[in-house]
Amino acid sequence: MTDAKKVLATFQVNGEPHEVAFAPHKTLLEVLREEMNLTGTKHGCELGECGACTVQIDGTPILSCLSLAVDAVGRDVRTVEGLAQGHELTPLQHCMADLGAAQCGYCTPGVLMTAEALLRDNKSPTRDDIKQALAGNLCRCTGYLKIFEAVELAAARMRGETAEPSKESIHGS
């Protein structure tokens, strides 16, 4: 039995080209993790129901477990590793950390990729906008409130407001 033919393609991931050989049936999730060693994107349900595998293609959040890697060739792919600029975290990443919005952290990459796209497109999202955007990102630890508050705080900071987390947000009262 011989191996299936592999596709050789160059991906644009986090602003850099990556030449990769992979089987044409591989998902983008598998290629990112197994061939490119970009393990920030998580294997979750692999059914498109949890959002842990969310990345952005051409700025739009997608579920990489449901997307074939061949469909991402020639497009701009961004993973959680591509959010920070060098060692500087984004306001969203800072707010998630400041508010303790990530507990076990498994859902965090998908939440970050989805919320970052929301904040790029909507500078002043309402709580309902945030809930709707993150509806496909499941979290078993936080109960979502700290995540929603972190997105709201990040939006305020990105608008140039001198916003600080409320004491309730920090201490969980």
N, C-alpha and C. Protein backbone atom coordinates (compact mmCIF):
# COMPACT_ATOMS: atom_id res chain seq x y z
N MET A 1 0.84 -1.17 0.00
CA MET A 1 0.00 0.00 0.00
C MET A 1 0.89 1.25 0.00
N THR A 2 0.60 2.18 -0.87
CA THR A 2 1.42 3.38 -0.96
C THR A 2 0.69 4.56 -0.32
N ASP A 3 1.46 5.52 0.11
CA ASP A 3 0.88 6.74 0.67
C ASP A 3 0.15 7.50 -0.41
N ALA A 4 -0.91 8.17 -0.01
CA ALA A 4 -1.64 9.02 -0.95
C ALA A 4 -0.71 10.13 -1.42
N LYS A 5 -0.97 10.63 -2.59
CA LYS A 5 -0.16 11.74 -3.09
C LYS A 5 -0.31 12.94 -2.18
N LYS A 6 0.77 13.65 -2.03
CA LYS A 6 0.75 14.84 -1.19
C LYS A 6 0.73 16.08 -2.07
N VAL A 7 0.18 17.13 -1.52
CA VAL A 7 0.13 18.44 -2.16
C VAL A 7 1.29 19.25 -1.59
N LEU A 8 2.02 19.94 -2.44
CA LEU A 8 3.06 20.86 -1.98
C LEU A 8 2.52 22.25 -2.22
N ALA A 9 2.39 23.02 -1.15
CA ALA A 9 1.80 24.35 -1.28
C ALA A 9 2.47 25.32 -0.33
N THR A 10 2.37 26.58 -0.67
CA THR A 10 2.87 27.63 0.20
C THR A 10 1.68 28.34 0.83
N PHE A 11 1.68 28.35 2.14
CA PHE A 11 0.65 29.04 2.91
C PHE A 11 1.21 30.36 3.39
N GLN A 12 0.37 31.36 3.44
CA GLN A 12 0.71 32.64 4.07
C GLN A 12 0.07 32.60 5.45
N VAL A 13 0.89 32.35 6.48
CA VAL A 13 0.38 32.21 7.84
C VAL A 13 1.07 33.23 8.73
N ASN A 14 0.26 34.04 9.39
CA ASN A 14 0.77 35.08 10.29
C ASN A 14 1.79 35.98 9.60
N GLY A 15 1.52 36.26 8.33
CA GLY A 15 2.36 37.18 7.57
C GLY A 15 3.62 36.58 6.99
N GLU A 16 3.80 35.27 7.14
CA GLU A 16 5.02 34.63 6.63
C GLU A 16 4.66 33.44 5.74
N PRO A 17 5.45 33.21 4.69
CA PRO A 17 5.19 32.05 3.84
C PRO A 17 5.68 30.76 4.50
N HIS A 18 4.91 29.70 4.34
CA HIS A 18 5.26 28.38 4.85
C HIS A 18 5.02 27.37 3.74
N GLU A 19 6.09 26.73 3.25
CA GLU A 19 5.92 25.69 2.24
C GLU A 19 5.72 24.37 2.96
N VAL A 20 4.64 23.67 2.60
CA VAL A 20 4.24 22.47 3.32
C VAL A 20 3.78 21.40 2.34
N ALA A 21 4.16 20.16 2.63
CA ALA A 21 3.64 19.01 1.88
C ALA A 21 2.65 18.30 2.79
N PHE A 22 1.45 18.04 2.27
CA PHE A 22 0.41 17.42 3.08
C PHE A 22 -0.56 16.65 2.20
N ALA A 23 -1.23 15.70 2.79
CA ALA A 23 -2.24 14.92 2.08
C ALA A 23 -3.44 15.83 1.81
N PRO A 24 -4.03 15.75 0.63
CA PRO A 24 -5.10 16.67 0.26
C PRO A 24 -6.36 16.57 1.13
N HIS A 25 -6.51 15.48 1.88
CA HIS A 25 -7.68 15.32 2.74
C HIS A 25 -7.48 15.94 4.13
N LYS A 26 -6.29 16.47 4.41
CA LYS A 26 -5.99 17.03 5.73
C LYS A 26 -6.73 18.34 5.94
N THR A 27 -7.19 18.52 7.17
CA THR A 27 -7.85 19.78 7.51
C THR A 27 -6.79 20.85 7.77
N LEU A 28 -7.22 22.08 7.73
CA LEU A 28 -6.31 23.19 8.04
C LEU A 28 -5.79 23.02 9.46
N LEU A 29 -6.63 22.61 10.38
CA LEU A 29 -6.21 22.37 11.76
C LEU A 29 -5.04 21.38 11.81
N GLU A 30 -5.17 20.27 11.11
CA GLU A 30 -4.12 19.25 11.12
C GLU A 30 -2.83 19.79 10.52
N VAL A 31 -2.92 20.52 9.44
CA VAL A 31 -1.71 21.04 8.79
C VAL A 31 -1.04 22.10 9.67
N LEU A 32 -1.83 22.98 10.26
CA LEU A 32 -1.25 24.01 11.15
C LEU A 32 -0.51 23.36 12.31
N ARG A 33 -1.14 22.40 12.95
CA ARG A 33 -0.55 21.78 14.15
C ARG A 33 0.56 20.78 13.82
N GLU A 34 0.29 19.91 12.86
CA GLU A 34 1.19 18.78 12.63
C GLU A 34 2.32 19.10 11.66
N GLU A 35 2.07 19.95 10.69
CA GLU A 35 3.09 20.23 9.68
C GLU A 35 3.83 21.55 9.93
N MET A 36 3.15 22.51 10.58
CA MET A 36 3.75 23.83 10.81
C MET A 36 4.11 24.06 12.27
N ASN A 37 3.76 23.11 13.14
CA ASN A 37 4.03 23.23 14.58
C ASN A 37 3.41 24.48 15.20
N LEU A 38 2.28 24.93 14.67
CA LEU A 38 1.54 26.04 15.25
C LEU A 38 0.44 25.43 16.12
N THR A 39 0.82 25.12 17.35
CA THR A 39 -0.06 24.35 18.23
C THR A 39 -0.97 25.21 19.10
N GLY A 40 -0.96 26.51 18.91
CA GLY A 40 -1.89 27.36 19.64
C GLY A 40 -3.33 27.07 19.28
N THR A 41 -3.58 26.74 18.03
CA THR A 41 -4.91 26.36 17.58
C THR A 41 -5.19 24.97 18.12
N LYS A 42 -6.31 24.81 18.82
CA LYS A 42 -6.57 23.58 19.55
C LYS A 42 -7.49 22.61 18.83
N HIS A 43 -7.20 21.30 19.02
CA HIS A 43 -8.13 20.24 18.65
C HIS A 43 -9.21 20.27 19.71
N GLY A 44 -10.43 20.41 19.32
CA GLY A 44 -11.53 20.35 20.28
C GLY A 44 -12.41 19.18 19.92
N CYS A 45 -13.61 19.51 19.51
CA CYS A 45 -14.59 18.47 19.17
C CYS A 45 -14.35 17.87 17.79
N GLU A 46 -13.68 18.61 16.92
CA GLU A 46 -13.45 18.25 15.52
C GLU A 46 -14.75 18.02 14.76
N LEU A 47 -15.83 18.65 15.27
CA LEU A 47 -17.14 18.59 14.62
C LEU A 47 -17.67 19.98 14.31
N GLY A 48 -16.88 21.01 14.59
CA GLY A 48 -17.32 22.38 14.35
C GLY A 48 -18.29 22.91 15.38
N GLU A 49 -18.29 22.35 16.57
CA GLU A 49 -19.25 22.75 17.58
C GLU A 49 -18.66 23.52 18.76
N CYS A 50 -17.32 23.52 18.93
CA CYS A 50 -16.76 24.11 20.16
C CYS A 50 -15.98 25.40 19.93
N GLY A 51 -15.45 25.63 18.74
CA GLY A 51 -14.72 26.86 18.44
C GLY A 51 -13.27 26.88 18.87
N ALA A 52 -12.76 25.83 19.50
CA ALA A 52 -11.37 25.82 19.96
C ALA A 52 -10.37 25.93 18.81
N CYS A 53 -10.78 25.54 17.62
CA CYS A 53 -9.88 25.52 16.46
C CYS A 53 -9.99 26.78 15.60
N THR A 54 -10.67 27.80 16.09
CA THR A 54 -10.91 29.00 15.27
C THR A 54 -9.61 29.70 14.90
N VAL A 55 -9.47 29.97 13.62
CA VAL A 55 -8.40 30.81 13.06
C VAL A 55 -9.10 31.83 12.17
N GLN A 56 -8.33 32.73 11.59
CA GLN A 56 -8.90 33.68 10.64
C GLN A 56 -8.33 33.39 9.25
N ILE A 57 -9.21 33.42 8.28
CA ILE A 57 -8.79 33.37 6.88
C ILE A 57 -9.29 34.66 6.25
N ASP A 58 -8.35 35.41 5.71
CA ASP A 58 -8.66 36.71 5.12
C ASP A 58 -9.46 37.57 6.10
N GLY A 59 -9.12 37.46 7.40
CA GLY A 59 -9.74 38.28 8.44
C GLY A 59 -11.03 37.75 9.01
N THR A 60 -11.55 36.66 8.46
CA THR A 60 -12.82 36.10 8.93
C THR A 60 -12.56 34.87 9.78
N PRO A 61 -13.16 34.81 10.98
CA PRO A 61 -12.99 33.60 11.80
C PRO A 61 -13.62 32.39 11.13
N ILE A 62 -12.87 31.30 11.11
CA ILE A 62 -13.37 30.04 10.55
C ILE A 62 -12.98 28.89 11.48
N LEU A 63 -13.68 27.80 11.36
CA LEU A 63 -13.37 26.61 12.13
C LEU A 63 -12.39 25.77 11.32
N SER A 64 -11.15 25.72 11.76
CA SER A 64 -10.12 25.04 10.97
C SER A 64 -10.30 23.52 10.95
N CYS A 65 -11.10 22.98 11.87
CA CYS A 65 -11.33 21.53 11.84
C CYS A 65 -12.29 21.13 10.72
N LEU A 66 -13.03 22.10 10.20
CA LEU A 66 -13.98 21.82 9.12
C LEU A 66 -13.49 22.33 7.76
N SER A 67 -12.31 22.92 7.73
CA SER A 67 -11.78 23.50 6.50
C SER A 67 -10.61 22.67 5.97
N LEU A 68 -10.69 22.32 4.72
CA LEU A 68 -9.55 21.61 4.13
C LEU A 68 -8.39 22.58 3.96
N ALA A 69 -7.19 22.08 4.21
CA ALA A 69 -6.00 22.92 4.08
C ALA A 69 -5.85 23.43 2.64
N VAL A 70 -6.20 22.61 1.66
CA VAL A 70 -6.04 23.05 0.27
C VAL A 70 -6.87 24.29 -0.03
N ASP A 71 -7.97 24.49 0.70
CA ASP A 71 -8.82 25.66 0.49
C ASP A 71 -8.22 26.93 1.06
N ALA A 72 -7.18 26.81 1.90
CA ALA A 72 -6.54 27.98 2.51
C ALA A 72 -5.31 28.44 1.73
N VAL A 73 -4.88 27.65 0.75
CA VAL A 73 -3.70 28.02 -0.05
C VAL A 73 -4.01 29.30 -0.81
N GLY A 74 -3.08 30.25 -0.75
CA GLY A 74 -3.25 31.52 -1.46
C GLY A 74 -4.07 32.54 -0.69
N ARG A 75 -4.47 32.19 0.52
CA ARG A 75 -5.25 33.11 1.34
C ARG A 75 -4.43 33.47 2.58
N ASP A 76 -4.83 34.53 3.25
CA ASP A 76 -4.12 34.99 4.44
C ASP A 76 -4.67 34.27 5.67
N VAL A 77 -3.86 33.39 6.27
CA VAL A 77 -4.26 32.63 7.44
C VAL A 77 -3.60 33.28 8.66
N ARG A 78 -4.40 33.47 9.70
CA ARG A 78 -3.87 34.03 10.94
C ARG A 78 -4.29 33.14 12.10
N THR A 79 -3.30 32.78 12.91
CA THR A 79 -3.55 31.95 14.08
C THR A 79 -3.30 32.79 15.34
N VAL A 80 -3.58 32.22 16.48
CA VAL A 80 -3.37 32.94 17.74
C VAL A 80 -1.91 33.35 17.90
N GLU A 81 -0.99 32.59 17.34
CA GLU A 81 0.43 32.95 17.41
C GLU A 81 0.70 34.27 16.69
N GLY A 82 -0.18 34.66 15.77
CA GLY A 82 0.02 35.88 14.99
C GLY A 82 -0.65 37.11 15.58
N LEU A 83 -1.28 37.00 16.75
CA LEU A 83 -1.95 38.17 17.33
C LEU A 83 -0.96 39.18 17.88
N ALA A 84 -0.07 38.75 18.74
CA ALA A 84 0.88 39.67 19.38
C ALA A 84 1.85 40.22 18.34
N GLN A 85 2.30 41.43 18.57
CA GLN A 85 3.33 42.04 17.73
C GLN A 85 4.66 41.87 18.44
N GLY A 86 5.44 40.89 18.00
CA GLY A 86 6.67 40.56 18.72
C GLY A 86 6.31 40.02 20.09
N HIS A 87 6.83 40.66 21.13
CA HIS A 87 6.53 40.23 22.49
C HIS A 87 5.42 41.06 23.12
N GLU A 88 4.85 41.99 22.36
CA GLU A 88 3.80 42.87 22.89
C GLU A 88 2.42 42.30 22.62
N LEU A 89 1.70 42.01 23.71
CA LEU A 89 0.36 41.49 23.58
C LEU A 89 -0.60 42.57 23.09
N THR A 90 -1.69 42.14 22.48
CA THR A 90 -2.72 43.07 22.05
C THR A 90 -3.53 43.52 23.27
N PRO A 91 -4.29 44.61 23.15
CA PRO A 91 -5.16 45.00 24.27
C PRO A 91 -6.11 43.87 24.68
N LEU A 92 -6.62 43.13 23.72
CA LEU A 92 -7.52 42.03 24.03
C LEU A 92 -6.80 40.97 24.86
N GLN A 93 -5.60 40.60 24.47
CA GLN A 93 -4.84 39.61 25.22
C GLN A 93 -4.57 40.10 26.64
N HIS A 94 -4.18 41.38 26.78
CA HIS A 94 -3.94 41.95 28.10
C HIS A 94 -5.20 41.89 28.96
N CYS A 95 -6.33 42.27 28.38
CA CYS A 95 -7.59 42.28 29.13
C CYS A 95 -8.02 40.88 29.54
N MET A 96 -7.84 39.92 28.67
CA MET A 96 -8.17 38.53 29.02
C MET A 96 -7.33 38.10 30.23
N ALA A 97 -6.06 38.43 30.23
CA ALA A 97 -5.18 38.07 31.34
C ALA A 97 -5.53 38.87 32.60
N ASP A 98 -5.73 40.18 32.45
CA ASP A 98 -6.02 41.03 33.61
C ASP A 98 -7.29 40.61 34.34
N LEU A 99 -8.28 40.16 33.60
CA LEU A 99 -9.57 39.79 34.21
C LEU A 99 -9.67 38.32 34.56
N GLY A 100 -8.64 37.55 34.26
CA GLY A 100 -8.72 36.11 34.53
C GLY A 100 -9.77 35.44 33.66
N ALA A 101 -9.90 35.93 32.43
CA ALA A 101 -10.92 35.41 31.52
C ALA A 101 -10.53 34.07 30.93
N ALA A 102 -9.32 33.64 31.18
CA ALA A 102 -8.88 32.32 30.72
C ALA A 102 -8.53 31.51 31.95
N GLN A 103 -9.18 30.39 32.10
CA GLN A 103 -8.85 29.54 33.24
C GLN A 103 -8.03 28.36 32.77
N CYS A 104 -8.64 27.32 32.24
CA CYS A 104 -7.81 26.22 31.75
C CYS A 104 -7.08 26.64 30.48
N GLY A 105 -7.68 27.57 29.73
CA GLY A 105 -7.03 28.12 28.54
C GLY A 105 -7.30 27.38 27.25
N TYR A 106 -7.98 26.26 27.29
CA TYR A 106 -8.16 25.49 26.07
C TYR A 106 -8.98 26.23 25.02
N CYS A 107 -10.00 26.94 25.45
CA CYS A 107 -10.85 27.67 24.51
C CYS A 107 -10.26 29.01 24.10
N THR A 108 -9.28 29.50 24.86
CA THR A 108 -8.79 30.86 24.71
C THR A 108 -8.31 31.21 23.30
N PRO A 109 -7.54 30.38 22.62
CA PRO A 109 -7.12 30.76 21.26
C PRO A 109 -8.30 31.03 20.33
N GLY A 110 -9.30 30.17 20.37
CA GLY A 110 -10.47 30.37 19.52
C GLY A 110 -11.25 31.62 19.91
N VAL A 111 -11.40 31.85 21.22
CA VAL A 111 -12.08 33.06 21.70
C VAL A 111 -11.33 34.29 21.24
N LEU A 112 -10.01 34.28 21.39
CA LEU A 112 -9.21 35.44 20.97
C LEU A 112 -9.35 35.72 19.48
N MET A 113 -9.31 34.68 18.66
CA MET A 113 -9.38 34.89 17.21
C MET A 113 -10.75 35.43 16.80
N THR A 114 -11.80 34.96 17.47
CA THR A 114 -13.15 35.42 17.16
C THR A 114 -13.36 36.84 17.66
N ALA A 115 -12.96 37.10 18.91
CA ALA A 115 -13.15 38.43 19.51
C ALA A 115 -12.30 39.47 18.80
N GLU A 116 -11.10 39.11 18.38
CA GLU A 116 -10.23 40.06 17.67
C GLU A 116 -10.88 40.50 16.37
N ALA A 117 -11.48 39.57 15.66
CA ALA A 117 -12.17 39.92 14.40
C ALA A 117 -13.36 40.83 14.69
N LEU A 118 -14.11 40.54 15.76
CA LEU A 118 -15.23 41.40 16.15
C LEU A 118 -14.76 42.82 16.42
N LEU A 119 -13.70 42.96 17.22
CA LEU A 119 -13.21 44.29 17.60
C LEU A 119 -12.60 45.04 16.41
N ARG A 120 -12.09 44.32 15.46
CA ARG A 120 -11.56 44.97 14.25
C ARG A 120 -12.70 45.56 13.43
N ASP A 121 -13.83 44.85 13.39
CA ASP A 121 -14.97 45.27 12.57
C ASP A 121 -15.97 46.16 13.32
N ASN A 122 -15.97 46.09 14.64
CA ASN A 122 -16.94 46.84 15.45
C ASN A 122 -16.20 47.43 16.64
N LYS A 123 -15.93 48.71 16.58
CA LYS A 123 -15.14 49.38 17.62
C LYS A 123 -15.90 49.53 18.94
N SER A 124 -17.22 49.47 18.89
CA SER A 124 -18.05 49.64 20.10
C SER A 124 -19.11 48.55 20.19
N PRO A 125 -18.69 47.30 20.34
CA PRO A 125 -19.70 46.23 20.38
C PRO A 125 -20.51 46.28 21.67
N THR A 126 -21.78 45.98 21.56
CA THR A 126 -22.63 45.84 22.74
C THR A 126 -22.38 44.47 23.35
N ARG A 127 -22.89 44.25 24.54
CA ARG A 127 -22.77 42.93 25.16
C ARG A 127 -23.45 41.88 24.28
N ASP A 128 -24.58 42.24 23.67
CA ASP A 128 -25.25 41.30 22.78
C ASP A 128 -24.42 41.00 21.53
N ASP A 129 -23.73 42.02 20.99
CA ASP A 129 -22.84 41.79 19.84
C ASP A 129 -21.75 40.79 20.22
N ILE A 130 -21.19 40.96 21.41
CA ILE A 130 -20.12 40.08 21.87
C ILE A 130 -20.65 38.66 22.07
N LYS A 131 -21.80 38.55 22.71
CA LYS A 131 -22.41 37.23 22.92
C LYS A 131 -22.67 36.53 21.59
N GLN A 132 -23.20 37.28 20.64
CA GLN A 132 -23.50 36.69 19.33
C GLN A 132 -22.22 36.25 18.63
N ALA A 133 -21.19 37.11 18.65
CA ALA A 133 -19.92 36.76 17.99
C ALA A 133 -19.29 35.52 18.60
N LEU A 134 -19.37 35.40 19.92
CA LEU A 134 -18.70 34.30 20.62
C LEU A 134 -19.61 33.09 20.84
N ALA A 135 -20.80 33.10 20.26
CA ALA A 135 -21.76 32.02 20.47
C ALA A 135 -21.21 30.65 20.07
N GLY A 136 -20.29 30.59 19.13
CA GLY A 136 -19.73 29.32 18.68
C GLY A 136 -18.47 28.91 19.42
N ASN A 137 -18.08 29.67 20.44
CA ASN A 137 -16.88 29.37 21.22
C ASN A 137 -17.30 28.90 22.61
N LEU A 138 -17.17 27.61 22.84
CA LEU A 138 -17.59 27.05 24.12
C LEU A 138 -16.47 27.11 25.15
N CYS A 139 -16.86 27.46 26.38
CA CYS A 139 -15.93 27.50 27.50
C CYS A 139 -16.57 26.75 28.66
N ARG A 140 -15.83 25.83 29.24
CA ARG A 140 -16.37 25.05 30.35
C ARG A 140 -15.95 25.60 31.70
N CYS A 141 -15.08 26.63 31.74
CA CYS A 141 -14.52 27.07 33.02
C CYS A 141 -15.05 28.41 33.52
N THR A 142 -15.16 29.40 32.65
CA THR A 142 -15.34 30.77 33.14
C THR A 142 -16.77 31.21 33.32
N GLY A 143 -17.73 30.56 32.70
CA GLY A 143 -19.09 31.05 32.75
C GLY A 143 -19.30 32.26 31.85
N TYR A 144 -18.33 32.61 31.04
CA TYR A 144 -18.39 33.62 29.99
C TYR A 144 -18.35 35.07 30.47
N LEU A 145 -18.80 35.38 31.67
CA LEU A 145 -18.89 36.78 32.10
C LEU A 145 -17.54 37.49 32.00
N LYS A 146 -16.48 36.88 32.50
CA LYS A 146 -15.16 37.51 32.44
C LYS A 146 -14.68 37.66 31.00
N ILE A 147 -15.03 36.72 30.14
CA ILE A 147 -14.66 36.84 28.73
C ILE A 147 -15.37 38.05 28.12
N PHE A 148 -16.69 38.17 28.34
CA PHE A 148 -17.45 39.30 27.81
C PHE A 148 -16.88 40.62 28.33
N GLU A 149 -16.58 40.67 29.63
CA GLU A 149 -16.03 41.89 30.23
C GLU A 149 -14.66 42.22 29.65
N ALA A 150 -13.85 41.21 29.39
CA ALA A 150 -12.52 41.44 28.81
C ALA A 150 -12.64 42.03 27.40
N VAL A 151 -13.59 41.55 26.61
CA VAL A 151 -13.79 42.09 25.26
C VAL A 151 -14.28 43.53 25.35
N GLU A 152 -15.19 43.81 26.27
CA GLU A 152 -15.69 45.18 26.46
C GLU A 152 -14.56 46.11 26.88
N LEU A 153 -13.74 45.67 27.83
CA LEU A 153 -12.62 46.49 28.31
C LEU A 153 -11.61 46.72 27.19
N ALA A 154 -11.31 45.69 26.42
CA ALA A 154 -10.38 45.83 25.30
C ALA A 154 -10.92 46.83 24.27
N ALA A 155 -12.21 46.75 23.99
CA ALA A 155 -12.82 47.69 23.03
C ALA A 155 -12.65 49.12 23.52
N ALA A 156 -12.90 49.35 24.80
CA ALA A 156 -12.76 50.70 25.36
C ALA A 156 -11.31 51.18 25.25
N ARG A 157 -10.38 50.33 25.60
CA ARG A 157 -8.96 50.71 25.52
C ARG A 157 -8.54 50.96 24.07
N MET A 158 -9.05 50.16 23.15
CA MET A 158 -8.70 50.34 21.73
C MET A 158 -9.29 51.63 21.17
N ARG A 159 -10.38 52.11 21.78
CA ARG A 159 -10.97 53.39 21.38
C ARG A 159 -10.22 54.56 22.01
N GLY A 160 -9.22 54.27 22.85
CA GLY A 160 -8.44 55.31 23.49
C GLY A 160 -8.95 55.76 24.84
N GLU A 161 -9.95 55.07 25.35
CA GLU A 161 -10.49 55.40 26.66
C GLU A 161 -9.57 54.86 27.74
N THR A 162 -9.49 55.57 28.86
CA THR A 162 -8.68 55.10 29.98
C THR A 162 -9.55 54.21 30.86
N ALA A 163 -9.84 53.04 30.36
CA ALA A 163 -10.73 52.11 31.03
C ALA A 163 -9.92 51.14 31.89
N GLU A 164 -10.45 50.88 33.06
CA GLU A 164 -9.86 49.90 33.97
C GLU A 164 -10.93 48.87 34.30
N PRO A 165 -10.50 47.66 34.63
CA PRO A 165 -11.50 46.66 35.01
C PRO A 165 -12.18 47.05 36.31
N SER A 166 -13.43 46.71 36.44
CA SER A 166 -14.13 46.97 37.68
C SER A 166 -13.61 46.03 38.76
N LYS A 167 -13.78 46.42 40.01
CA LYS A 167 -13.34 45.55 41.11
C LYS A 167 -14.08 44.22 41.07
N GLU A 168 -15.35 44.26 40.66
CA GLU A 168 -16.12 43.02 40.55
C GLU A 168 -15.51 42.09 39.50
N SER A 169 -15.03 42.69 38.40
CA SER A 169 -14.43 41.87 37.35
C SER A 169 -13.15 41.20 37.81
N ILE A 170 -12.35 41.94 38.55
CA ILE A 170 -11.06 41.40 39.00
C ILE A 170 -11.24 40.37 40.10
N HIS A 171 -12.13 40.68 41.05
CA HIS A 171 -12.26 39.81 42.22
C HIS A 171 -13.40 38.81 42.10
N GLY A 172 -14.17 38.92 41.03
CA GLY A 172 -15.24 37.95 40.80
C GLY A 172 -16.39 38.05 41.77
N SER A 173 -16.63 39.22 42.31
CA SER A 173 -17.74 39.39 43.26
C SER A 173 -19.07 39.29 42.60
